[in-house]
PDB file of N, CA and C in Angstrom:
ATOM      1  N   MET A   1      26.743  14.079 -23.312  1.00  0.00           N
ATOM      2  CA  MET A   1      26.167  12.717 -23.339  1.00  0.00           C
ATOM      3  C   MET A   1      24.839  12.764 -22.459  1.00  0.00           C
ATOM      4  N   THR A   2      23.770  12.436 -23.029  1.00  0.00           N
ATOM      5  CA  THR A   2      22.504  12.342 -22.216  1.00  0.00           C
ATOM      6  C   THR A   2      22.272  11.054 -21.526  1.00  0.00           C
ATOM      7  N   GLN A   3      21.711  11.149 -20.283  1.00  0.00           N
ATOM      8  CA  GLN A   3      21.362   9.967 -19.714  1.00  0.00           C
ATOM      9  C   GLN A   3      20.152   9.368 -20.091  1.00  0.00           C
ATOM     10  N   THR A   4      20.096   8.116 -20.231  1.00  0.00           N
ATOM     11  CA  THR A   4      18.819   7.350 -20.645  1.00  0.00           C
ATOM     12  C   THR A   4      18.117   6.803 -19.392  1.00  0.00           C
ATOM     13  N   GLN A   5      16.956   6.627 -19.601  1.00  0.00           N
ATOM     14  CA  GLN A   5      16.174   5.941 -18.436  1.00  0.00           C
ATOM     15  C   GLN A   5      16.473   4.416 -18.420  1.00  0.00           C
ATOM     16  N   PRO A   6      16.576   3.940 -17.294  1.00  0.00           N
ATOM     17  CA  PRO A   6      17.030   2.476 -17.150  1.00  0.00           C
ATOM     18  C   PRO A   6      15.806   1.630 -17.919  1.00  0.00           C
ATOM     19  N   ALA A   7      16.265   0.454 -18.419  1.00  0.00           N
ATOM     20  CA  ALA A   7      15.396  -0.320 -19.160  1.00  0.00           C
ATOM     21  C   ALA A   7      14.316  -0.956 -18.354  1.00  0.00           C
ATOM     22  N   TYR A   8      14.594  -1.092 -17.034  1.00  0.00           N
ATOM     23  CA  TYR A   8      13.615  -1.722 -16.099  1.00  0.00           C
ATOM     24  C   TYR A   8      13.185  -0.771 -15.048  1.00  0.00           C
ATOM     25  N   ALA A   9      12.662   0.464 -15.587  1.00  0.00           N
ATOM     26  CA  ALA A   9      12.174   1.471 -14.556  1.00  0.00           C
ATOM     27  C   ALA A   9      11.149   0.796 -13.677  1.00  0.00           C
ATOM     28  N   PRO A  10      11.023   1.044 -12.439  1.00  0.00           N
ATOM     29  CA  PRO A  10       9.933   0.594 -11.435  1.00  0.00           C
ATOM     30  C   PRO A  10       8.468   1.132 -11.865  1.00  0.00           C
ATOM     31  N   GLU A  11       7.611   0.419 -11.726  1.00  0.00           N
ATOM     32  CA  GLU A  11       6.219   0.800 -12.107  1.00  0.00           C
ATOM     33  C   GLU A  11       5.603   1.359 -10.806  1.00  0.00           C
ATOM     34  N   LYS A  12       5.236   2.561 -10.817  1.00  0.00           N
ATOM     35  CA  LYS A  12       4.583   3.264  -9.594  1.00  0.00           C
ATOM     36  C   LYS A  12       3.179   2.804  -9.373  1.00  0.00           C
ATOM     37  N   PHE A  13       2.677   2.957  -8.249  1.00  0.00           N
ATOM     38  CA  PHE A  13       1.281   2.545  -8.003  1.00  0.00           C
ATOM     39  C   PHE A  13       0.326   3.463  -8.446  1.00  0.00           C
ATOM     40  N   GLN A  14      -0.932   3.093  -8.640  1.00  0.00           N
ATOM     41  CA  GLN A  14      -1.888   4.071  -9.059  1.00  0.00           C
ATOM     42  C   GLN A  14      -2.528   4.811  -7.930  1.00  0.00           C
ATOM     43  N   ASN A  15      -2.617   4.141  -6.710  1.00  0.00           N
ATOM     44  CA  ASN A  15      -3.187   4.740  -5.595  1.00  0.00           C
ATOM     45  C   ASN A  15      -2.738   3.970  -4.248  1.00  0.00           C
ATOM     46  N   ALA A  16      -3.125   4.473  -3.162  1.00  0.00           N
ATOM     47  CA  ALA A  16      -2.806   3.787  -1.910  1.00  0.00           C
ATOM     48  C   ALA A  16      -3.365   2.461  -1.671  1.00  0.00           C
ATOM     49  N   GLU A  17      -4.530   2.064  -2.226  1.00  0.00           N
ATOM     50  CA  GLU A  17      -5.134   0.924  -2.264  1.00  0.00           C
ATOM     51  C   GLU A  17      -4.287  -0.225  -2.886  1.00  0.00           C
ATOM     52  N   GLN A  18      -3.824   0.158  -4.166  1.00  0.00           N
ATOM     53  CA  GLN A  18      -3.068  -0.752  -4.955  1.00  0.00           C
ATOM     54  C   GLN A  18      -1.737  -1.011  -4.109  1.00  0.00           C
ATOM     55  N   LEU A  19      -1.204   0.004  -3.521  1.00  0.00           N
ATOM     56  CA  LEU A  19       0.035  -0.188  -2.607  1.00  0.00           C
ATOM     57  C   LEU A  19      -0.077  -1.104  -1.555  1.00  0.00           C
ATOM     58  N   TRP A  20      -1.347  -0.932  -0.741  1.00  0.00           N
ATOM     59  CA  TRP A  20      -1.546  -1.678   0.241  1.00  0.00           C
ATOM     60  C   TRP A  20      -1.820  -3.146  -0.011  1.00  0.00           C
ATOM     61  N   PHE A  21      -2.601  -3.421  -1.104  1.00  0.00           N
ATOM     62  CA  PHE A  21      -2.982  -4.711  -1.466  1.00  0.00           C
ATOM     63  C   PHE A  21      -1.683  -5.459  -1.868  1.00  0.00           C
ATOM     64  N   TRP A  22      -0.675  -4.793  -2.591  1.00  0.00           N
ATOM     65  CA  TRP A  22       0.595  -5.283  -3.092  1.00  0.00           C
ATOM     66  C   TRP A  22       1.337  -5.604  -1.825  1.00  0.00           C
ATOM     67  N   PHE A  23       1.391  -4.861  -0.812  1.00  0.00           N
ATOM     68  CA  PHE A  23       2.247  -5.058   0.323  1.00  0.00           C
ATOM     69  C   PHE A  23       1.726  -6.274   1.080  1.00  0.00           C
ATOM     70  N   LEU A  24       0.343  -6.394   1.262  1.00  0.00           N
ATOM     71  CA  LEU A  24      -0.204  -7.543   2.000  1.00  0.00           C
ATOM     72  C   LEU A  24       0.054  -8.897   1.232  1.00  0.00           C
ATOM     73  N   TYR A  25      -0.116  -8.816   0.041  1.00  0.00           N
ATOM     74  CA  TYR A  25       0.010  -9.996  -0.820  1.00  0.00           C
ATOM     75  C   TYR A  25       1.434 -10.414  -0.929  1.00  0.00           C
ATOM     76  N   SER A  26       2.417  -9.474  -1.032  1.00  0.00           N
ATOM     77  CA  SER A  26       3.875  -9.760  -1.069  1.00  0.00           C
ATOM     78  C   SER A  26       4.341 -10.272   0.238  1.00  0.00           C
ATOM     79  N   LYS A  27       3.797  -9.689   1.419  1.00  0.00           N
ATOM     80  CA  LYS A  27       4.181 -10.181   2.773  1.00  0.00           C
ATOM     81  C   LYS A  27       3.753 -11.731   2.863  1.00  0.00           C
ATOM     82  N   SER A  28       2.507 -11.993   2.303  1.00  0.00           N
ATOM     83  CA  SER A  28       1.960 -13.420   2.497  1.00  0.00           C
ATOM     84  C   SER A  28       2.811 -14.402   1.740  1.00  0.00           C
ATOM     85  N   VAL A  29       3.345 -13.976   0.714  1.00  0.00           N
ATOM     86  CA  VAL A  29       4.202 -14.928  -0.019  1.00  0.00           C
ATOM     87  C   VAL A  29       5.683 -14.549  -0.216  1.00  0.00           C
ATOM     88  N   GLN A  30       6.039 -13.970   0.922  1.00  0.00           N
ATOM     89  CA  GLN A  30       7.445 -13.328   0.972  1.00  0.00           C
ATOM     90  C   GLN A  30       8.493 -14.359   0.603  1.00  0.00           C
ATOM     91  N   ASN A  31       8.520 -15.456   1.093  1.00  0.00           N
ATOM     92  CA  ASN A  31       9.592 -16.454   0.798  1.00  0.00           C
ATOM     93  C   ASN A  31       9.499 -16.800  -0.727  1.00  0.00           C
ATOM     94  N   ASP A  32       8.396 -17.105  -1.346  1.00  0.00           N
ATOM     95  CA  ASP A  32       8.378 -17.408  -2.713  1.00  0.00           C
ATOM     96  C   ASP A  32       8.708 -16.204  -3.563  1.00  0.00           C
ATOM     97  N   PHE A  33       8.189 -15.018  -3.080  1.00  0.00           N
ATOM     98  CA  PHE A  33       8.460 -13.740  -3.724  1.00  0.00           C
ATOM     99  C   PHE A  33      10.045 -13.560  -3.995  1.00  0.00           C
ATOM    100  N   LYS A  34      10.706 -13.765  -2.968  1.00  0.00           N
ATOM    101  CA  LYS A  34      12.127 -13.528  -3.129  1.00  0.00           C
ATOM    102  C   LYS A  34      12.712 -14.489  -4.278  1.00  0.00           C
ATOM    103  N   ASN A  35      12.175 -15.695  -4.421  1.00  0.00           N
ATOM    104  CA  ASN A  35      12.751 -16.589  -5.455  1.00  0.00           C
ATOM    105  C   ASN A  35      12.208 -16.313  -6.848  1.00  0.00           C
ATOM    106  N   THR A  36      11.126 -15.630  -6.935  1.00  0.00           N
ATOM    107  CA  THR A  36      10.448 -15.401  -8.249  1.00  0.00           C
ATOM    108  C   THR A  36      10.375 -14.028  -8.664  1.00  0.00           C
ATOM    109  N   HIS A  37      11.137 -13.055  -7.920  1.00  0.00           N
ATOM    110  CA  HIS A  37      10.930 -11.681  -8.213  1.00  0.00           C
ATOM    111  C   HIS A  37      11.394 -11.256  -9.625  1.00  0.00           C
ATOM    112  N   HIS A  38      12.231 -12.123 -10.313  1.00  0.00           N
ATOM    113  CA  HIS A  38      12.596 -11.647 -11.575  1.00  0.00           C
ATOM    114  C   HIS A  38      11.448 -11.546 -12.588  1.00  0.00           C
ATOM    115  N   ASN A  39      10.375 -12.275 -12.415  1.00  0.00           N
ATOM    116  CA  ASN A  39       9.202 -12.259 -13.272  1.00  0.00           C
ATOM    117  C   ASN A  39       8.229 -11.247 -12.705  1.00  0.00           C
ATOM    118  N   ALA A  40       8.442 -10.691 -11.450  1.00  0.00           N
ATOM    119  CA  ALA A  40       7.282  -9.702 -10.977  1.00  0.00           C
ATOM    120  C   ALA A  40       7.602  -8.395 -11.491  1.00  0.00           C
ATOM    121  N   THR A  41       6.573  -7.441 -11.410  1.00  0.00           N
ATOM    122  CA  THR A  41       6.690  -6.097 -11.693  1.00  0.00           C
ATOM    123  C   THR A  41       7.693  -5.358 -10.676  1.00  0.00           C
ATOM    124  N   ARG A  42       8.561  -4.654 -11.163  1.00  0.00           N
ATOM    125  CA  ARG A  42       9.413  -3.992 -10.229  1.00  0.00           C
ATOM    126  C   ARG A  42       8.601  -2.719  -9.740  1.00  0.00           C
ATOM    127  N   ARG A  43       8.840  -2.506  -8.454  1.00  0.00           N
ATOM    128  CA  ARG A  43       8.106  -1.312  -7.792  1.00  0.00           C
ATOM    129  C   ARG A  43       9.183  -0.326  -7.264  1.00  0.00           C
ATOM    130  N   PRO A  44       8.747   0.930  -7.049  1.00  0.00           N
ATOM    131  CA  PRO A  44       9.701   1.881  -6.534  1.00  0.00           C
ATOM    132  C   PRO A  44       9.923   1.854  -5.079  1.00  0.00           C
ATOM    133  N   CYS A  45       9.454   0.804  -4.343  1.00  0.00           N
ATOM    134  CA  CYS A  45       9.748   0.649  -2.878  1.00  0.00           C
ATOM    135  C   CYS A  45       9.823  -0.813  -2.577  1.00  0.00           C
ATOM    136  N   GLU A  46      10.487  -1.068  -1.493  1.00  0.00           N
ATOM    137  CA  GLU A  46      10.438  -2.465  -0.968  1.00  0.00           C
ATOM    138  C   GLU A  46       9.446  -2.747   0.109  1.00  0.00           C
ATOM    139  N   LEU A  47       9.278  -3.970   0.402  1.00  0.00           N
ATOM    140  CA  LEU A  47       8.301  -4.285   1.481  1.00  0.00           C
ATOM    141  C   LEU A  47       8.575  -3.550   2.826  1.00  0.00           C
ATOM    142  N   LEU A  48       9.868  -3.627   3.178  1.00  0.00           N
ATOM    143  CA  LEU A  48      10.226  -2.901   4.394  1.00  0.00           C
ATOM    144  C   LEU A  48       9.981  -1.340   4.307  1.00  0.00           C
ATOM    145  N   ASP A  49      10.156  -0.772   3.237  1.00  0.00           N
ATOM    146  CA  ASP A  49       9.754   0.556   3.012  1.00  0.00           C
ATOM    147  C   ASP A  49       8.345   0.938   3.425  1.00  0.00           C
ATOM    148  N   VAL A  50       7.422   0.119   2.947  1.00  0.00           N
ATOM    149  CA  VAL A  50       6.000   0.172   3.143  1.00  0.00           C
ATOM    150  C   VAL A  50       5.749   0.038   4.672  1.00  0.00           C
ATOM    151  N   GLU A  51       6.289  -1.118   5.277  1.00  0.00           N
ATOM    152  CA  GLU A  51       6.070  -1.327   6.568  1.00  0.00           C
ATOM    153  C   GLU A  51       6.685  -0.266   7.513  1.00  0.00           C
ATOM    154  N   THR A  52       7.723   0.411   7.142  1.00  0.00           N
ATOM    155  CA  THR A  52       8.360   1.440   7.854  1.00  0.00           C
ATOM    156  C   THR A  52       7.359   2.703   7.735  1.00  0.00           C
ATOM    157  N   LEU A  53       6.813   3.046   6.537  1.00  0.00           N
ATOM    158  CA  LEU A  53       5.915   4.139   6.455  1.00  0.00           C
ATOM    159  C   LEU A  53       4.609   4.016   7.250  1.00  0.00           C
ATOM    160  N   ILE A  54       4.097   2.805   7.281  1.00  0.00           N
ATOM    161  CA  ILE A  54       2.827   2.559   7.950  1.00  0.00           C
ATOM    162  C   ILE A  54       3.166   2.685   9.504  1.00  0.00           C
ATOM    163  N   THR A  55       4.152   2.162   9.948  1.00  0.00           N
ATOM    164  CA  THR A  55       4.614   2.325  11.287  1.00  0.00           C
ATOM    165  C   THR A  55       4.860   3.724  11.722  1.00  0.00           C
ATOM    166  N   LYS A  56       5.563   4.570  10.962  1.00  0.00           N
ATOM    167  CA  LYS A  56       5.767   5.950  11.145  1.00  0.00           C
ATOM    168  C   LYS A  56       4.331   6.635  11.280  1.00  0.00           C
ATOM    169  N   LEU A  57       3.512   6.419  10.233  1.00  0.00           N
ATOM    170  CA  LEU A  57       2.182   7.060  10.246  1.00  0.00           C
ATOM    171  C   LEU A  57       1.456   6.745  11.549  1.00  0.00           C
ATOM    172  N   TYR A  58       1.446   5.445  12.097  1.00  0.00           N
ATOM    173  CA  TYR A  58       0.819   5.106  13.230  1.00  0.00           C
ATOM    174  C   TYR A  58       1.499   5.704  14.409  1.00  0.00           C
ATOM    175  N   LEU A  59       2.765   5.787  14.561  1.00  0.00           N
ATOM    176  CA  LEU A  59       3.409   6.279  15.652  1.00  0.00           C
ATOM    177  C   LEU A  59       3.293   7.854  15.896  1.00  0.00           C
ATOM    178  N   CYS A  60       3.054   8.504  14.725  1.00  0.00           N
ATOM    179  CA  CYS A  60       2.869   9.956  14.867  1.00  0.00           C
ATOM    180  C   CYS A  60       1.424  10.321  14.936  1.00  0.00           C
ATOM    181  N   GLY A  61       0.602   9.213  15.016  1.00  0.00           N
ATOM    182  CA  GLY A  61      -0.884   9.462  15.275  1.00  0.00           C
ATOM    183  C   GLY A  61      -1.725   9.752  14.007  1.00  0.00           C
ATOM    184  N   LYS A  62      -1.121   9.543  12.874  1.00  0.00           N
ATOM    185  CA  LYS A  62      -1.858   9.808  11.595  1.00  0.00           C
ATOM    186  C   LYS A  62      -2.695   8.581  11.184  1.00  0.00           C
ATOM    187  N   LEU A  63      -2.395   7.501  11.779  1.00  0.00           N
ATOM    188  CA  LEU A  63      -3.222   6.195  11.576  1.00  0.00           C
ATOM    189  C   LEU A  63      -3.666   5.761  12.895  1.00  0.00           C
ATOM    190  N   THR A  64      -4.859   5.392  13.084  1.00  0.00           N
ATOM    191  CA  THR A  64      -5.259   4.787  14.462  1.00  0.00           C
ATOM    192  C   THR A  64      -5.257   3.291  14.391  1.00  0.00           C
ATOM    193  N   ASP A  65      -5.464   2.730  15.616  1.00  0.00           N
ATOM    194  CA  ASP A  65      -5.644   1.323  15.825  1.00  0.00           C
ATOM    195  C   ASP A  65      -6.847   0.707  15.034  1.00  0.00           C
ATOM    196  N   GLU A  66      -8.000   1.560  15.113  1.00  0.00           N
ATOM    197  CA  GLU A  66      -9.213   1.192  14.401  1.00  0.00           C
ATOM    198  C   GLU A  66      -8.967   1.117  12.769  1.00  0.00           C
ATOM    199  N   GLN A  67      -8.200   2.035  12.209  1.00  0.00           N
ATOM    200  CA  GLN A  67      -7.890   2.098  10.869  1.00  0.00           C
ATOM    201  C   GLN A  67      -7.038   0.888  10.464  1.00  0.00           C
ATOM    202  N   LEU A  68      -5.986   0.588  11.248  1.00  0.00           N
ATOM    203  CA  LEU A  68      -5.084  -0.523  11.053  1.00  0.00           C
ATOM    204  C   LEU A  68      -5.848  -1.827  11.084  1.00  0.00           C
ATOM    205  N   ALA A  69      -6.871  -2.001  12.056  1.00  0.00           N
ATOM    206  CA  ALA A  69      -7.642  -3.232  12.019  1.00  0.00           C
ATOM    207  C   ALA A  69      -8.398  -3.355  10.803  1.00  0.00           C
ATOM    208  N   VAL A  70      -9.052  -2.238  10.399  1.00  0.00           N
ATOM    209  CA  VAL A  70      -9.929  -2.318   9.125  1.00  0.00           C
ATOM    210  C   VAL A  70      -9.052  -2.602   7.838  1.00  0.00           C
ATOM    211  N   MET A  71      -7.951  -1.940   7.946  1.00  0.00           N
ATOM    212  CA  MET A  71      -6.937  -2.221   6.697  1.00  0.00           C
ATOM    213  C   MET A  71      -6.589  -3.762   6.721  1.00  0.00           C
ATOM    214  N   LYS A  72      -6.216  -4.318   7.812  1.00  0.00           N
ATOM    215  CA  LYS A  72      -5.849  -5.614   7.823  1.00  0.00           C
ATOM    216  C   LYS A  72      -7.033  -6.610   7.650  1.00  0.00           C
ATOM    217  N   LYS A  73      -8.138  -6.407   8.150  1.00  0.00           N
ATOM    218  CA  LYS A  73      -9.420  -7.211   7.952  1.00  0.00           C
ATOM    219  C   LYS A  73      -9.736  -7.268   6.496  1.00  0.00           C
ATOM    220  N   PHE A  74      -9.935  -6.124   5.788  1.00  0.00           N
ATOM    221  CA  PHE A  74     -10.319  -6.127   4.473  1.00  0.00           C
ATOM    222  C   PHE A  74      -9.074  -6.296   3.476  1.00  0.00           C
ATOM    223  N   GLY A  75      -7.836  -6.182   3.986  1.00  0.00           N
ATOM    224  CA  GLY A  75      -6.810  -6.510   3.159  1.00  0.00           C
ATOM    225  C   GLY A  75      -6.708  -7.911   2.943  1.00  0.00           C
ATOM    226  N   ASP A  76      -6.959  -8.604   4.089  1.00  0.00           N
ATOM    227  CA  ASP A  76      -6.999 -10.119   3.964  1.00  0.00           C
ATOM    228  C   ASP A  76      -8.108 -10.621   3.097  1.00  0.00           C
ATOM    229  N   ARG A  77      -9.223  -9.917   3.071  1.00  0.00           N
ATOM    230  CA  ARG A  77     -10.324 -10.224   2.073  1.00  0.00           C
ATOM    231  C   ARG A  77     -10.001  -9.776   0.688  1.00  0.00           C
ATOM    232  N   ARG A  78      -8.960  -9.098   0.453  1.00  0.00           N
ATOM    233  CA  ARG A  78      -8.488  -8.529  -0.838  1.00  0.00           C
ATOM    234  C   ARG A  78      -9.495  -7.618  -1.578  1.00  0.00           C
ATOM    235  N   ARG A  79     -10.201  -6.872  -0.658  1.00  0.00           N
ATOM    236  CA  ARG A  79     -11.105  -5.930  -1.037  1.00  0.00           C
ATOM    237  C   ARG A  79     -11.274  -4.832  -0.097  1.00  0.00           C
ATOM    238  N   ALA A  80     -11.719  -3.625  -0.618  1.00  0.00           N
ATOM    239  CA  ALA A  80     -12.060  -2.486   0.416  1.00  0.00           C
ATOM    240  C   ALA A  80     -13.465  -2.678   0.870  1.00  0.00           C
ATOM    241  N   PRO A  81     -13.726  -2.053   2.089  1.00  0.00           N
ATOM    242  CA  PRO A  81     -15.042  -2.079   2.600  1.00  0.00           C
ATOM    243  C   PRO A  81     -15.962  -1.277   1.676  1.00  0.00           C
ATOM    244  N   HIS A  82     -17.241  -1.574   1.483  1.00  0.00           N
ATOM    245  CA  HIS A  82     -18.203  -0.940   0.714  1.00  0.00           C
ATOM    246  C   HIS A  82     -19.062  -0.014   1.451  1.00  0.00           C
ATOM    247  N   GLN A  83     -19.044   1.278   1.233  1.00  0.00           N
ATOM    248  CA  GLN A  83     -19.850   2.321   1.995  1.00  0.00           C
ATOM    249  C   GLN A  83     -21.329   2.137   1.804  1.00  0.00           C
ATOM    250  N   TYR A  84     -21.715   1.363   0.781  1.00  0.00           N
ATOM    251  CA  TYR A  84     -23.282   1.188   0.700  1.00  0.00           C
ATOM    252  C   TYR A  84     -23.812  -0.027   1.409  1.00  0.00           C
ATOM    253  N   ILE A  85     -22.947  -0.738   1.875  1.00  0.00           N
ATOM    254  CA  ILE A  85     -23.282  -1.987   2.798  1.00  0.00           C
ATOM    255  C   ILE A  85     -23.382  -1.403   4.236  1.00  0.00           C
ATOM    256  N   TRP A  86     -24.519  -1.384   4.788  1.00  0.00           N
ATOM    257  CA  TRP A  86     -24.672  -0.888   6.023  1.00  0.00           C
ATOM    258  C   TRP A  86     -23.696  -1.372   7.128  1.00  0.00           C
ATOM    259  N   ALA A  87     -23.507  -2.611   7.168  1.00  0.00           N
ATOM    260  CA  ALA A  87     -22.605  -3.258   8.114  1.00  0.00           C
ATOM    261  C   ALA A  87     -21.081  -2.787   7.934  1.00  0.00           C
ATOM    262  N   GLU A  88     -20.747  -2.319   6.691  1.00  0.00           N
ATOM    263  CA  GLU A  88     -19.437  -1.890   6.441  1.00  0.00           C
ATOM    264  C   GLU A  88     -19.274  -0.412   6.298  1.00  0.00           C
ATOM    265  N   ASN A  89     -20.303   0.434   6.687  1.00  0.00           N
ATOM    266  CA  ASN A  89     -20.265   1.789   6.447  1.00  0.00           C
ATOM    267  C   ASN A  89     -19.251   2.524   7.160  1.00  0.00           C
ATOM    268  N   ARG A  90     -19.139   2.164   8.477  1.00  0.00           N
ATOM    269  CA  ARG A  90     -18.076   2.741   9.485  1.00  0.00           C
ATOM    270  C   ARG A  90     -16.570   2.302   8.865  1.00  0.00           C
ATOM    271  N   ALA A  91     -16.559   1.050   8.634  1.00  0.00           N
ATOM    272  CA  ALA A  91     -15.212   0.611   8.139  1.00  0.00           C
ATOM    273  C   ALA A  91     -14.800   1.325   6.794  1.00  0.00           C
ATOM    274  N   ALA A  92     -15.812   1.528   5.982  1.00  0.00           N
ATOM    275  CA  ALA A  92     -15.459   2.294   4.749  1.00  0.00           C
ATOM    276  C   ALA A  92     -14.894   3.645   4.959  1.00  0.00           C
ATOM    277  N   ASP A  93     -15.481   4.324   6.003  1.00  0.00           N
ATOM    278  CA  ASP A  93     -14.987   5.732   6.249  1.00  0.00           C
ATOM    279  C   ASP A  93     -13.600   5.590   6.851  1.00  0.00           C
ATOM    280  N   LEU A  94     -13.374   4.700   7.728  1.00  0.00           N
ATOM    281  CA  LEU A  94     -12.060   4.407   8.369  1.00  0.00           C
ATOM    282  C   LEU A  94     -11.056   4.207   7.277  1.00  0.00           C
ATOM    283  N   TRP A  95     -11.454   3.182   6.307  1.00  0.00           N
ATOM    284  CA  TRP A  95     -10.559   2.820   5.285  1.00  0.00           C
ATOM    285  C   TRP A  95     -10.251   4.064   4.273  1.00  0.00           C
ATOM    286  N   ARG A  96     -11.222   4.821   3.934  1.00  0.00           N
ATOM    287  CA  ARG A  96     -11.044   5.936   3.113  1.00  0.00           C
ATOM    288  C   ARG A  96      -9.982   6.987   3.720  1.00  0.00           C
ATOM    289  N   ARG A  97     -10.246   7.262   4.997  1.00  0.00           N
ATOM    290  CA  ARG A  97      -9.311   8.228   5.642  1.00  0.00           C
ATOM    291  C   ARG A  97      -7.914   7.655   5.676  1.00  0.00           C
ATOM    292  N   ALA A  98      -7.771   6.360   5.987  1.00  0.00           N
ATOM    293  CA  ALA A  98      -6.449   5.699   6.110  1.00  0.00           C
ATOM    294  C   ALA A  98      -5.704   5.712   4.724  1.00  0.00           C
ATOM    295  N   MET A  99      -6.492   5.459   3.717  1.00  0.00           N
ATOM    296  CA  MET A  99      -5.897   5.447   2.434  1.00  0.00           C
ATOM    297  C   MET A  99      -5.479   6.900   1.876  1.00  0.00           C
ATOM    298  N   GLU A 100      -6.308   7.875   2.356  1.00  0.00           N
ATOM    299  CA  GLU A 100      -5.961   9.306   1.961  1.00  0.00           C
ATOM    300  C   GLU A 100      -4.542   9.603   2.710  1.00  0.00           C
ATOM    301  N   THR A 101      -4.417   9.222   3.929  1.00  0.00           N
ATOM    302  CA  THR A 101      -3.273   9.456   4.728  1.00  0.00           C
ATOM    303  C   THR A 101      -1.964   8.821   3.954  1.00  0.00           C
ATOM    304  N   ILE A 102      -2.123   7.503   3.789  1.00  0.00           N
ATOM    305  CA  ILE A 102      -1.012   6.679   3.035  1.00  0.00           C
ATOM    306  C   ILE A 102      -0.758   7.377   1.829  1.00  0.00           C
ATOM    307  N   GLU A 103      -1.796   7.705   1.032  1.00  0.00           N
ATOM    308  CA  GLU A 103      -1.537   8.235  -0.410  1.00  0.00           C
ATOM    309  C   GLU A 103      -0.664   9.556  -0.235  1.00  0.00           C
ATOM    310  N   ILE A 104      -1.014  10.443   0.711  1.00  0.00           N
ATOM    311  CA  ILE A 104      -0.216  11.592   0.646  1.00  0.00           C
ATOM    312  C   ILE A 104       1.282  11.270   0.972  1.00  0.00           C
ATOM    313  N   ALA A 105       1.523  10.445   1.954  1.00  0.00           N
ATOM    314  CA  ALA A 105       2.873  10.035   2.262  1.00  0.00           C
ATOM    315  C   ALA A 105       3.551   9.323   1.153  1.00  0.00           C
ATOM    316  N   ALA A 106       2.895   8.326   0.569  1.00  0.00           N
ATOM    317  CA  ALA A 106       3.492   7.557  -0.430  1.00  0.00           C
ATOM    318  C   ALA A 106       3.730   8.456  -1.785  1.00  0.00           C
ATOM    319  N   THR A 107       2.879   9.305  -2.087  1.00  0.00           N
ATOM    320  CA  THR A 107       3.113  10.213  -3.109  1.00  0.00           C
ATOM    321  C   THR A 107       4.298  11.090  -2.928  1.00  0.00           C
ATOM    322  N   ALA A 108       4.468  11.489  -1.733  1.00  0.00           N
ATOM    323  CA  ALA A 108       5.765  12.416  -1.405  1.00  0.00           C
ATOM    324  C   ALA A 108       6.988  11.638  -1.567  1.00  0.00           C
ATOM    325  N   ARG A 109       6.922  10.264  -1.417  1.00  0.00           N
ATOM    326  CA  ARG A 109       8.030   9.572  -1.542  1.00  0.00           C
ATOM    327  C   ARG A 109       8.284   9.061  -3.082  1.00  0.00           C
ATOM    328  N   GLY A 110       7.275   9.360  -3.875  1.00  0.00           N
ATOM    329  CA  GLY A 110       7.399   9.053  -5.345  1.00  0.00           C
ATOM    330  C   GLY A 110       7.014   7.697  -5.613  1.00  0.00           C
ATOM    331  N   TRP A 111       6.154   7.094  -4.809  1.00  0.00           N
ATOM    332  CA  TRP A 111       5.754   5.698  -4.946  1.00  0.00           C
ATOM    333  C   TRP A 111       4.374   5.691  -5.912  1.00  0.00           C
ATOM    334  N   ILE A 112       3.683   6.769  -5.834  1.00  0.00           N
ATOM    335  CA  ILE A 112       2.347   6.741  -6.503  1.00  0.00           C
ATOM    336  C   ILE A 112       2.442   7.714  -7.661  1.00  0.00           C
ATOM    337  N   ASN A 113       1.770   7.373  -8.810  1.00  0.00           N
ATOM    338  CA  ASN A 113       1.680   8.320  -9.854  1.00  0.00           C
ATOM    339  C   ASN A 113       0.695   9.373  -9.567  1.00  0.00           C
ATOM    340  N   LYS A 114       1.046  10.572  -9.727  1.00  0.00           N
ATOM    341  CA  LYS A 114       0.207  11.729  -9.557  1.00  0.00           C
ATOM    342  C   LYS A 114       0.508  12.730 -10.605  1.00  0.00           C
TER     343      LYS A 114
END
């Protein structure tokens, strides 16, 4: 007898940015999210999983205070900093390095398609 894939397989993220924006949005509407999750796309991780991952990366020194601040600031704006906007150039570099770190860790956990 062969095993079949579940009818509602979770949809993996395309990259770390998609994961990060999903996390921030879901945290901002967490109470409503719990009540309406049956219509939402299933994901391979929970909000707590992402929060734990970010915390572990920070505590082991792979994410810095500056990177977290940029992630929060631009996450709230629902966009990444743009490298060609002079005022956002440094933030774009911090963002890129943070997303690379998160992508490696999230891919190892099977949350991102690669």
